[in-house]
Amino acid sequence: PFKEIRQAVKNAEVLIVLDRALSFGGPGGPVCSEIKSALYNEDKKPKVISFVGGLGGRDITLAGFEDIVNRGIEISQTGSEQEFEMFGVRE
């Protein structure tokens, strides 16, 4: 639904995408890859920041979602080129 995605985010400056899986071929998850594909040819598009969390069946709490949003805002406000981050994984 590329047309619907473009319409839904046409006025967004930043788009935070949360996936529960990694995709092969690049950083981020499969949903984020599809969203980036949908926006690729747009002249004006939001910065897309991909988070992958909930791997291995781990739950993401409400506080976790708040952390993801706050981290996405932080990344966008610092002008960082970072586009991908893992969330809630053991190191």
Protein backbone atom coordinates (compact mmCIF):
# COMPACT_ATOMS: atom_id res chain seq x y z
CA PRO A 1 0.00 0.00 0.00
CA PHE A 2 2.68 2.51 -1.01
CA LYS A 3 0.16 5.23 -1.85
CA GLU A 4 -1.48 4.97 1.58
CA ILE A 5 1.89 5.04 3.36
CA ARG A 6 2.95 8.16 1.46
CA GLN A 7 -0.36 9.86 2.28
CA ALA A 8 -0.19 8.92 5.98
CA VAL A 9 3.28 10.37 6.53
CA LYS A 10 3.31 13.25 4.03
CA ASN A 11 3.65 15.93 6.74
CA ALA A 12 5.89 14.00 9.14
CA GLU A 13 9.45 15.13 9.80
CA VAL A 14 10.49 11.94 11.59
CA LEU A 15 9.06 8.45 11.38
CA ILE A 16 9.92 5.85 14.02
CA VAL A 17 9.34 2.28 12.85
CA LEU A 18 9.37 -0.66 15.27
CA ASP A 19 9.92 -4.16 13.93
CA ARG A 20 10.03 -7.45 15.83
CA ALA A 21 12.39 -9.09 13.34
CA LEU A 22 15.55 -8.33 11.42
CA SER A 23 15.63 -8.38 7.65
CA PHE A 24 18.44 -9.61 5.46
CA GLY A 25 20.26 -7.21 3.19
CA GLY A 26 20.39 -4.12 5.34
CA PRO A 27 19.96 -2.61 8.77
CA GLY A 28 16.50 -2.63 10.24
CA GLY A 29 13.44 -4.76 10.00
CA PRO A 30 11.19 -5.80 7.14
CA VAL A 31 8.44 -3.24 7.78
CA CYS A 32 10.97 -0.41 7.90
CA SER A 33 12.51 -1.60 4.63
CA GLU A 34 9.09 -1.53 2.97
CA ILE A 35 8.34 1.95 4.31
CA LYS A 36 11.69 3.25 3.07
CA SER A 37 10.93 1.72 -0.32
CA ALA A 38 7.55 3.45 -0.41
CA LEU A 39 9.15 6.81 0.31
CA TYR A 40 12.27 6.42 -1.83
CA ASN A 41 11.17 8.54 -4.79
CA GLU A 42 9.41 11.22 -2.75
CA ASP A 43 10.95 14.70 -2.88
CA LYS A 44 9.92 15.50 0.68
CA LYS A 45 10.14 12.56 3.05
CA PRO A 46 10.59 12.10 6.78
CA LYS A 47 13.75 10.81 8.39
CA VAL A 48 13.01 7.13 9.04
CA ILE A 49 14.50 5.63 12.19
CA SER A 50 14.26 1.87 12.59
CA PHE A 51 14.08 0.12 15.93
CA VAL A 52 14.07 -3.65 16.29
CA GLY A 53 12.81 -5.00 19.60
CA GLY A 54 10.88 -7.85 21.10
CA LEU A 55 13.28 -10.42 19.69
CA GLY A 56 13.02 -13.91 21.09
CA GLY A 57 9.48 -13.23 22.26
CA ARG A 58 10.52 -10.55 24.73
CA ASP A 59 7.74 -8.20 25.71
CA ILE A 60 8.03 -4.47 25.15
CA THR A 61 6.41 -2.61 28.01
CA LEU A 62 4.68 0.75 27.83
CA ALA A 63 7.82 2.25 29.38
CA GLY A 64 9.81 0.54 26.63
CA PHE A 65 7.67 2.17 23.94
CA GLU A 66 8.18 5.52 25.65
CA ASP A 67 11.95 4.90 25.64
CA ILE A 68 11.86 4.11 21.92
CA VAL A 69 9.94 7.29 21.11
CA ASN A 70 12.22 9.41 23.30
CA ARG A 71 15.32 7.85 21.73
CA GLY A 72 13.91 8.50 18.25
CA ILE A 73 13.29 12.13 19.14
CA GLU A 74 16.81 12.40 20.54
CA ILE A 75 18.33 10.94 17.36
CA SER A 76 16.32 13.30 15.15
CA GLN A 77 17.12 16.41 17.19
CA THR A 78 20.87 15.84 17.27
CA GLY A 79 21.09 15.63 13.49
CA SER A 80 22.57 12.16 13.81
CA GLU A 81 22.81 10.04 10.68
CA GLN A 82 21.85 6.98 12.74
CA GLU A 83 18.96 5.10 11.17
CA PHE A 84 18.88 1.82 13.11
CA GLU A 85 18.95 0.72 16.73
CA MET A 86 18.30 -2.53 18.57
CA PHE A 87 16.07 -2.26 21.62
CA GLY A 88 15.97 -4.48 24.69
CA VAL A 89 18.58 -7.03 23.69
CA ARG A 90 21.29 -8.46 25.87
CA GLU A 91 24.83 -7.52 24.98
